[in-house]
Amino acid sequence: MSSRAVRRALKERGYDDMAETTALIEKQVCEMESEKDRGSSEPVNMFDLLGGDAAESSESEGSVEGGVEAIVEVEPKQEAMPAKTKKTKRGKNKKSKGKGKEKADDMSMAEFEAHLKKHDAELPQVETKKAQGAAGRGAALGVELTAEQQQNRALLVVDAKQLDAEAEIKRLFGSAAVQNAGQGRRGMPRGLAVRKRLALSHPKATWPPMNAPGIEMQQVGVDEETGGHVFAVEHTERFRSVQIDFLSAVMTNDADAIAGLAYHHPYHVDALLQLSEILKQTGGDFIEAGTLVERALYAFECGFASRFSITNGLGRLDFRRIESRGLFLALFRHMQFLARRGCWRTAFEVNKALLALDPVRDPYGALLTLDFHALKSRQYEYVRRMST
């Protein structure tokens, strides 16, 4: 309401003397403040002190202003509510923290040790369930596994994401370490288009093109003892013809002949593995020797059967077959080169893949190095599960 309307209302009321009016208003204000101190929280309109007639007379002129005042008076009440709730929540949190501290302080040493024993007893069951869930059910893969076989398989499942040695080097030493070593990948080699996802090998653009791997794989049965699919590696006719030349070069101890054979047939796995060993023993070129082993693994992976998987812990090979021994030897040497480079997690996963091929006979003693690689890669929970 404007000051002009106030003066008009006072004049109509008969309060011509402003001094008397001011004294009367101050007296009423003091009475209202005393009532507010006693607990009254209702908002006070100062113009109500003039009487009901004055308020009615000014209602027509100040209806808009009165509406605005009413809105302004309501808004502080709405804003005051969240502040109270926040204080209440803080109070509850303080009370709950206080209760937790009192509970921890009141707990005796015997009760604390009993609580720890209960937690240690529940932990193995939880970890076993997680491992079984990660491994999946064997029935979904076409094999019905017992409870013991399922637990053993959970220890043989390979994490495919951890099979990249260059990624592990980047995590440990940064991307500059891979670039300085010249091990960066720039793309797939030309030649055979690979439709399957490779796990063990990571082809580089500098590798020779692949026309045919010369290796095939077929399923021959089911291993009832361990609960897995048994596969057999077979050589093509062209591979067998090259194999005769390779055996003759080995019998004559001609390293140049083996190098020439690997040059003309860049994915002959036996020639690659033999040349890798020659480079390691004579020249000490471990980088090139490891690259040749990885090329041999690439040739094997291109010939894998569609149902064979190196990571699910169910693929089995018979070491007594001559054709299958090359994959065992390639995995074993690849694991050694990875450990030499300090890629312990990748070596640990390759170690599990080697053991999963033949966990009963274990021709290369993969079980003897599994706990070592697990400790070096800080997989302490895996060691505890394996020991139990």
Protein backbone atom coordinates (compact mmCIF):
# COMPACT_ATOMS: atom_id res chain seq x y z
CA MET A 1 0.00 0.00 0.00
CA SER A 2 1.32 3.47 -0.87
CA SER A 3 1.96 6.21 1.70
CA ARG A 4 -0.79 8.34 0.15
CA ALA A 5 -3.38 5.66 0.85
CA VAL A 6 -2.14 5.37 4.45
CA ARG A 7 -2.51 9.12 5.04
CA ARG A 8 -5.98 9.10 3.51
CA ALA A 9 -7.05 6.21 5.76
CA LEU A 10 -5.71 7.99 8.83
CA LYS A 11 -7.49 11.20 7.90
CA GLU A 12 -10.82 9.42 7.40
CA ARG A 13 -10.36 7.72 10.75
CA GLY A 14 -9.89 11.04 12.46
CA TYR A 15 -6.23 10.84 13.31
CA ASP A 16 -5.18 14.25 12.15
CA ASP A 17 -2.44 14.65 14.71
CA MET A 18 0.50 12.57 13.46
CA ALA A 19 2.25 12.66 16.85
CA GLU A 20 -0.67 10.94 18.56
CA THR A 21 -0.92 8.46 15.71
CA THR A 22 2.77 7.61 15.94
CA ALA A 23 2.58 7.08 19.72
CA LEU A 24 -0.45 4.84 19.32
CA ILE A 25 1.23 2.74 16.64
CA GLU A 26 4.41 2.34 18.73
CA LYS A 27 2.32 1.19 21.70
CA GLN A 28 0.55 -1.43 19.59
CA VAL A 29 3.85 -2.60 18.12
CA CYS A 30 5.31 -3.11 21.62
CA GLU A 31 2.28 -5.19 22.60
CA MET A 32 2.61 -7.34 19.47
CA GLU A 33 6.34 -7.90 20.09
CA SER A 34 5.63 -9.00 23.65
CA GLU A 35 3.06 -11.50 22.30
CA LYS A 36 5.60 -12.77 19.78
CA ASP A 37 8.14 -13.35 22.56
CA ARG A 38 5.59 -15.47 24.37
CA GLY A 39 5.46 -17.88 21.42
CA SER A 40 3.25 -16.39 18.75
CA SER A 41 4.79 -16.93 15.28
CA GLU A 42 1.95 -15.55 13.13
CA PRO A 43 2.93 -12.72 10.75
CA VAL A 44 1.74 -9.25 11.78
CA ASN A 45 0.28 -6.73 9.36
CA MET A 46 1.11 -3.28 10.67
CA PHE A 47 -1.95 -1.72 9.05
CA ASP A 48 -4.28 -3.97 11.07
CA LEU A 49 -3.42 -1.78 14.07
CA LEU A 50 -5.44 1.04 12.57
CA GLY A 51 -8.70 -0.89 12.95
CA GLY A 52 -10.99 -2.95 10.80
CA ASP A 53 -12.59 0.01 9.06
CA ALA A 54 -9.27 1.30 7.82
CA ALA A 55 -8.39 -2.10 6.43
CA GLU A 56 -11.76 -2.33 4.67
CA SER A 57 -11.46 1.16 3.24
CA SER A 58 -8.01 0.43 1.85
CA GLU A 59 -9.00 -2.98 0.47
CA SER A 60 -10.16 -1.64 -2.90
CA GLU A 61 -6.96 0.34 -3.50
CA GLY A 62 -4.40 -2.14 -2.22
CA SER A 63 -5.81 -5.51 -3.28
CA VAL A 64 -2.88 -6.18 -5.60
CA GLU A 65 -0.30 -5.14 -3.04
CA GLY A 66 -2.00 -7.26 -0.37
CA GLY A 67 -1.86 -10.29 -2.63
CA VAL A 68 1.83 -9.77 -3.18
CA GLU A 69 2.40 -9.41 0.55
CA ALA A 70 0.55 -12.66 1.20
CA ILE A 71 2.75 -14.51 -1.26
CA VAL A 72 5.88 -13.06 0.27
CA GLU A 73 4.73 -14.10 3.71
CA VAL A 74 4.12 -17.73 2.66
CA GLU A 75 7.47 -18.28 0.89
CA PRO A 76 9.68 -18.10 4.00
CA LYS A 77 7.66 -20.95 5.51
CA GLN A 78 8.31 -23.16 2.47
CA GLU A 79 12.04 -22.41 2.47
CA ALA A 80 12.36 -23.14 6.16
CA MET A 81 11.26 -26.78 5.82
CA PRO A 82 14.35 -28.28 4.03
CA ALA A 83 16.67 -26.70 6.58
CA LYS A 84 14.91 -28.55 9.38
CA THR A 85 15.09 -31.85 7.52
CA LYS A 86 18.81 -31.42 6.88
CA LYS A 87 19.44 -30.78 10.52
CA THR A 88 17.42 -33.84 11.38
CA LYS A 89 19.40 -36.01 8.96
CA ARG A 90 22.68 -34.75 10.29
CA GLY A 91 21.52 -35.47 13.77
CA LYS A 92 20.55 -38.99 12.78
CA ASN A 93 23.91 -39.58 11.10
CA LYS A 94 25.73 -38.36 14.17
CA LYS A 95 23.63 -40.59 16.35
CA SER A 96 24.24 -43.62 14.11
CA LYS A 97 27.99 -42.94 14.05
CA GLY A 98 27.95 -42.57 17.79
CA LYS A 99 26.16 -45.88 18.15
CA GLY A 100 28.72 -47.58 15.85
CA LYS A 101 31.60 -46.19 17.88
CA GLU A 102 29.97 -47.25 21.12
CA LYS A 103 29.43 -50.75 19.69
CA ALA A 104 33.07 -51.04 18.58
CA ASP A 105 34.30 -49.74 21.91
CA ASP A 106 32.10 -52.10 23.90
CA MET A 107 33.27 -55.14 21.84
CA SER A 108 35.77 -57.23 23.72
CA MET A 109 38.82 -58.90 22.18
CA ALA A 110 37.16 -62.33 22.30
CA GLU A 111 34.10 -61.06 20.46
CA PHE A 112 36.32 -59.36 17.88
CA GLU A 113 38.26 -62.57 17.19
CA ALA A 114 34.99 -64.51 16.90
CA HIS A 115 33.75 -61.99 14.36
CA LEU A 116 36.92 -62.37 12.31
CA LYS A 117 36.65 -66.17 12.33
CA LYS A 118 33.06 -65.96 11.14
CA HIS A 119 34.11 -63.64 8.31
CA ASP A 120 36.97 -65.95 7.27
CA ALA A 121 34.60 -68.93 7.23
CA GLU A 122 32.14 -67.14 4.94
CA LEU A 123 34.77 -65.79 2.52
CA PRO A 124 35.74 -69.10 0.80
CA GLN A 125 32.10 -69.88 0.03
CA VAL A 126 31.58 -66.48 -1.55
CA GLU A 127 34.75 -66.73 -3.65
CA THR A 128 33.87 -70.24 -4.82
CA LYS A 129 30.45 -69.07 -5.97
CA LYS A 130 32.04 -66.18 -7.86
CA ALA A 131 34.52 -68.50 -9.57
CA GLN A 132 31.78 -70.92 -10.56
CA GLY A 133 29.68 -68.10 -11.89
CA ALA A 134 32.58 -66.74 -13.94
CA ALA A 135 33.36 -70.17 -15.32
CA GLY A 136 29.75 -70.82 -16.29
CA ARG A 137 27.93 -74.10 -16.41
CA GLY A 138 29.47 -76.95 -18.39
CA ALA A 139 26.07 -78.13 -19.49
CA ALA A 140 25.65 -74.95 -21.52
CA LEU A 141 28.79 -75.91 -23.48
CA GLY A 142 27.61 -79.45 -24.18
CA VAL A 143 29.40 -81.16 -21.25
CA GLU A 144 27.83 -82.21 -17.97
CA LEU A 145 30.31 -81.62 -15.17
CA THR A 146 30.28 -82.83 -11.61
CA ALA A 147 30.81 -80.46 -8.71
CA GLU A 148 34.50 -81.38 -8.45
CA GLN A 149 35.03 -80.99 -12.19
CA GLN A 150 33.31 -77.62 -12.08
CA GLN A 151 35.67 -76.41 -9.35
CA ASN A 152 38.72 -77.67 -11.25
CA ARG A 153 37.51 -76.02 -14.43
CA ALA A 154 37.07 -72.72 -12.60
CA LEU A 155 40.82 -72.78 -11.92
CA LEU A 156 41.62 -73.34 -15.61
CA VAL A 157 39.47 -70.60 -17.13
CA VAL A 158 41.67 -67.99 -18.85
CA ASP A 159 40.91 -64.28 -18.81
CA ALA A 160 41.25 -63.33 -22.47
CA LYS A 161 41.59 -59.63 -21.62
CA GLN A 162 44.83 -60.37 -19.76
CA LEU A 163 46.53 -62.16 -22.66
CA ASP A 164 47.90 -58.99 -24.25
CA ALA A 165 51.53 -58.51 -23.21
CA GLU A 166 51.81 -55.06 -24.79
CA ALA A 167 48.81 -53.82 -22.82
CA GLU A 168 50.43 -55.06 -19.62
CA ILE A 169 53.70 -53.30 -20.48
CA LYS A 170 51.77 -50.08 -21.06
CA ARG A 171 50.11 -50.44 -17.65
CA LEU A 172 53.46 -51.01 -15.97
CA PHE A 173 55.84 -48.69 -17.82
CA GLY A 174 53.68 -46.48 -20.05
CA SER A 175 53.09 -46.38 -23.80
CA ALA A 176 56.59 -45.01 -24.46
CA ALA A 177 58.11 -48.36 -23.44
CA VAL A 178 56.22 -50.18 -26.21
CA GLN A 179 57.09 -47.57 -28.82
CA ASN A 180 60.78 -47.59 -27.92
CA ALA A 181 60.89 -51.38 -28.16
CA GLY A 182 59.27 -51.29 -31.61
CA GLN A 183 56.55 -53.72 -30.59
CA GLY A 184 53.54 -51.59 -31.52
CA ARG A 185 50.81 -53.18 -33.63
CA ARG A 186 49.76 -51.34 -36.77
CA GLY A 187 47.22 -53.75 -38.23
CA MET A 188 46.58 -57.26 -39.44
CA PRO A 189 48.90 -58.95 -41.93
CA ARG A 190 47.73 -59.36 -45.48
CA GLY A 191 46.39 -62.64 -46.79
CA LEU A 192 43.90 -64.90 -45.00
CA ALA A 193 40.99 -63.03 -43.44
CA VAL A 194 40.56 -64.14 -39.84
CA ARG A 195 36.89 -64.27 -38.85
CA LYS A 196 37.46 -65.53 -35.31
CA ARG A 197 38.75 -63.54 -32.40
CA LEU A 198 42.37 -64.30 -31.60
CA ALA A 199 43.37 -64.69 -27.97
CA LEU A 200 46.94 -66.00 -27.81
CA SER A 201 48.53 -64.13 -30.71
CA HIS A 202 48.35 -60.51 -31.80
CA PRO A 203 49.40 -60.26 -35.47
CA LYS A 204 51.48 -57.33 -36.68
CA ALA A 205 51.45 -55.63 -40.04
CA THR A 206 55.13 -56.48 -40.55
CA TRP A 207 54.41 -60.21 -40.56
CA PRO A 208 54.31 -62.07 -43.89
CA PRO A 209 50.89 -62.68 -45.42
CA MET A 210 49.19 -65.96 -44.60
CA ASN A 211 47.63 -67.98 -47.37
CA ALA A 212 46.88 -71.21 -45.50
CA PRO A 213 47.97 -72.27 -42.01
CA GLY A 214 48.44 -75.93 -42.97
CA ILE A 215 46.92 -77.01 -39.66
CA GLU A 216 43.43 -78.35 -39.03
CA MET A 217 41.64 -79.47 -35.87
CA GLN A 218 38.81 -81.91 -35.30
CA GLN A 219 36.95 -83.12 -32.25
CA VAL A 220 37.54 -86.79 -31.50
CA GLY A 221 35.68 -87.37 -28.23
CA VAL A 222 34.98 -86.32 -24.64
CA ASP A 223 37.31 -86.63 -21.68
CA GLU A 224 35.22 -88.27 -18.96
CA GLU A 225 37.89 -87.87 -16.29
CA THR A 226 38.19 -84.08 -16.50
CA GLY A 227 34.99 -83.29 -18.38
CA GLY A 228 36.18 -81.62 -21.58
CA HIS A 229 36.19 -81.89 -25.36
CA VAL A 230 39.13 -83.81 -26.83
CA PHE A 231 40.49 -82.47 -30.11
CA ALA A 232 43.19 -83.67 -32.50
CA VAL A 233 45.53 -81.55 -34.65
CA GLU A 234 46.01 -82.69 -38.23
CA HIS A 235 48.40 -81.54 -40.98
CA THR A 236 47.43 -80.88 -44.57
CA GLU A 237 49.16 -82.54 -47.53
CA ARG A 238 51.17 -79.43 -48.32
CA PHE A 239 52.32 -79.17 -44.72
CA ARG A 240 53.47 -82.79 -44.74
CA SER A 241 55.58 -82.23 -47.85
CA VAL A 242 57.32 -79.28 -46.18
CA GLN A 243 57.69 -81.35 -43.01
CA ILE A 244 59.93 -83.82 -44.82
CA ASP A 245 62.33 -81.03 -45.80
CA PHE A 246 62.29 -79.74 -42.25
CA LEU A 247 63.18 -83.13 -40.74
CA SER A 248 66.06 -83.54 -43.16
CA ALA A 249 67.42 -80.09 -42.18
CA VAL A 250 67.19 -81.01 -38.50
CA MET A 251 69.00 -84.31 -39.03
CA THR A 252 71.90 -82.55 -40.75
CA ASN A 253 72.08 -79.76 -38.11
CA ASP A 254 71.85 -77.17 -40.86
CA ALA A 255 70.64 -73.91 -39.29
CA ASP A 256 70.77 -72.07 -42.64
CA ALA A 257 68.44 -74.65 -44.18
CA ILE A 258 65.95 -74.20 -41.33
CA ALA A 259 66.13 -70.41 -41.73
CA GLY A 260 65.55 -70.71 -45.48
CA LEU A 261 62.61 -73.04 -44.87
CA ALA A 262 61.07 -70.54 -42.44
CA TYR A 263 61.60 -67.78 -45.00
CA HIS A 264 59.83 -69.60 -47.83
CA HIS A 265 57.14 -71.04 -45.51
CA PRO A 266 56.67 -68.31 -42.88
CA TYR A 267 53.94 -70.16 -40.98
CA HIS A 268 55.41 -73.64 -40.72
CA VAL A 269 55.12 -74.05 -36.95
CA ASP A 270 57.92 -76.59 -36.46
CA ALA A 271 60.39 -74.49 -38.46
CA LEU A 272 59.41 -71.35 -36.52
CA LEU A 273 59.87 -73.03 -33.16
CA GLN A 274 63.24 -74.53 -34.15
CA LEU A 275 64.54 -71.24 -35.56
CA SER A 276 63.40 -69.44 -32.39
CA GLU A 277 65.47 -71.81 -30.26
CA ILE A 278 68.50 -71.32 -32.52
CA LEU A 279 68.28 -67.53 -32.20
CA LYS A 280 67.96 -67.77 -28.45
CA GLN A 281 70.89 -70.15 -27.99
CA THR A 282 73.34 -68.63 -30.47
CA GLY A 283 72.65 -64.96 -31.10
CA GLY A 284 70.77 -64.11 -27.91
CA ASP A 285 68.08 -62.25 -29.87
CA PHE A 286 65.21 -62.88 -27.49
CA ILE A 287 62.90 -60.32 -29.10
CA GLU A 288 63.00 -61.98 -32.51
CA ALA A 289 62.84 -65.42 -30.94
CA GLY A 290 59.65 -64.44 -29.06
CA THR A 291 58.15 -63.03 -32.25
CA LEU A 292 58.70 -66.34 -34.07
CA VAL A 293 56.93 -68.21 -31.26
CA GLU A 294 54.01 -65.81 -31.47
CA ARG A 295 53.81 -66.39 -35.23
CA ALA A 296 53.60 -70.12 -34.57
CA LEU A 297 50.72 -69.50 -32.14
CA TYR A 298 49.03 -67.39 -34.80
CA ALA A 299 49.25 -70.29 -37.27
CA PHE A 300 47.73 -72.64 -34.70
CA GLU A 301 44.89 -70.26 -33.86
CA CYS A 302 43.97 -69.87 -37.50
CA GLY A 303 43.50 -73.64 -37.68
CA PHE A 304 41.48 -74.05 -34.45
CA ALA A 305 38.14 -75.82 -34.71
CA SER A 306 35.00 -73.75 -34.23
CA ARG A 307 34.16 -75.53 -30.96
CA PHE A 308 37.68 -75.35 -29.57
CA SER A 309 38.44 -72.53 -27.14
CA ILE A 310 41.73 -71.99 -25.39
CA THR A 311 40.10 -69.83 -22.70
CA ASN A 312 37.07 -71.80 -21.42
CA GLY A 313 39.13 -74.55 -19.73
CA LEU A 314 37.43 -77.39 -21.61
CA GLY A 315 39.65 -77.81 -24.69
CA ARG A 316 41.82 -80.96 -24.45
CA LEU A 317 44.64 -82.24 -26.63
CA ASP A 318 46.38 -85.61 -26.52
CA PHE A 319 50.11 -85.06 -26.13
CA ARG A 320 50.78 -88.55 -27.45
CA ARG A 321 49.83 -87.38 -30.96
CA ILE A 322 52.88 -85.91 -32.74
CA GLU A 323 50.86 -83.19 -34.46
CA SER A 324 49.54 -81.81 -31.13
CA ARG A 325 52.92 -81.39 -29.48
CA GLY A 326 53.74 -78.21 -31.35
CA LEU A 327 50.98 -76.28 -29.54
CA PHE A 328 52.25 -77.47 -26.14
CA LEU A 329 55.79 -76.40 -26.98
CA ALA A 330 54.69 -73.02 -28.39
CA LEU A 331 52.68 -72.18 -25.26
CA PHE A 332 55.52 -73.25 -22.97
CA ARG A 333 58.12 -71.09 -24.73
CA HIS A 334 55.70 -68.18 -25.04
CA MET A 335 55.22 -68.34 -21.28
CA GLN A 336 58.98 -68.24 -20.76
CA PHE A 337 59.46 -65.20 -22.99
CA LEU A 338 56.63 -63.36 -21.24
CA ALA A 339 58.17 -64.03 -17.84
CA ARG A 340 61.52 -62.77 -19.13
CA ARG A 341 59.87 -59.51 -20.19
CA GLY A 342 58.22 -59.11 -16.78
CA CYS A 343 54.66 -59.67 -18.05
CA TRP A 344 53.70 -61.86 -15.10
CA ARG A 345 49.94 -61.59 -15.46
CA THR A 346 50.04 -62.58 -19.13
CA ALA A 347 52.43 -65.44 -18.33
CA PHE A 348 50.04 -66.58 -15.60
CA GLU A 349 47.12 -66.75 -18.03
CA VAL A 350 49.22 -68.64 -20.62
CA ASN A 351 50.28 -71.02 -17.86
CA LYS A 352 46.62 -71.83 -17.16
CA ALA A 353 45.97 -72.36 -20.88
CA LEU A 354 48.91 -74.79 -21.09
CA LEU A 355 47.67 -76.76 -18.09
CA ALA A 356 44.11 -76.87 -19.44
CA LEU A 357 45.23 -78.70 -22.61
CA ASP A 358 46.14 -81.84 -20.61
CA PRO A 359 45.62 -81.36 -16.86
CA VAL A 360 46.09 -85.08 -16.06
CA ARG A 361 49.41 -85.87 -17.76
CA ASP A 362 50.75 -82.27 -17.73
CA PRO A 363 53.74 -83.05 -20.01
CA TYR A 364 55.50 -79.69 -19.46
CA GLY A 365 54.90 -79.43 -15.71
CA ALA A 366 52.61 -76.40 -15.95
CA LEU A 367 51.17 -77.16 -12.50
CA LEU A 368 54.60 -76.68 -10.91
CA THR A 369 54.90 -73.08 -12.17
CA LEU A 370 51.27 -72.06 -11.80
CA ASP A 371 51.51 -70.97 -8.17
CA PHE A 372 54.76 -69.09 -8.89
CA HIS A 373 53.21 -67.06 -11.71
CA ALA A 374 50.09 -66.46 -9.59
CA LEU A 375 52.18 -64.98 -6.78
CA LYS A 376 54.28 -62.87 -9.15
CA SER A 377 51.09 -61.47 -10.73
CA ARG A 378 49.60 -60.88 -7.23
CA GLN A 379 46.73 -63.32 -7.68
CA TYR A 380 46.75 -64.35 -4.03
CA GLU A 381 43.12 -65.39 -3.94
CA TYR A 382 43.76 -67.84 -6.80
CA VAL A 383 46.58 -69.47 -4.78
CA ARG A 384 44.27 -69.87 -1.81
CA ARG A 385 41.54 -71.43 -3.96
CA MET A 386 44.05 -73.76 -5.63
CA SER A 387 45.40 -74.94 -2.28
CA THR A 388 41.93 -75.73 -0.93
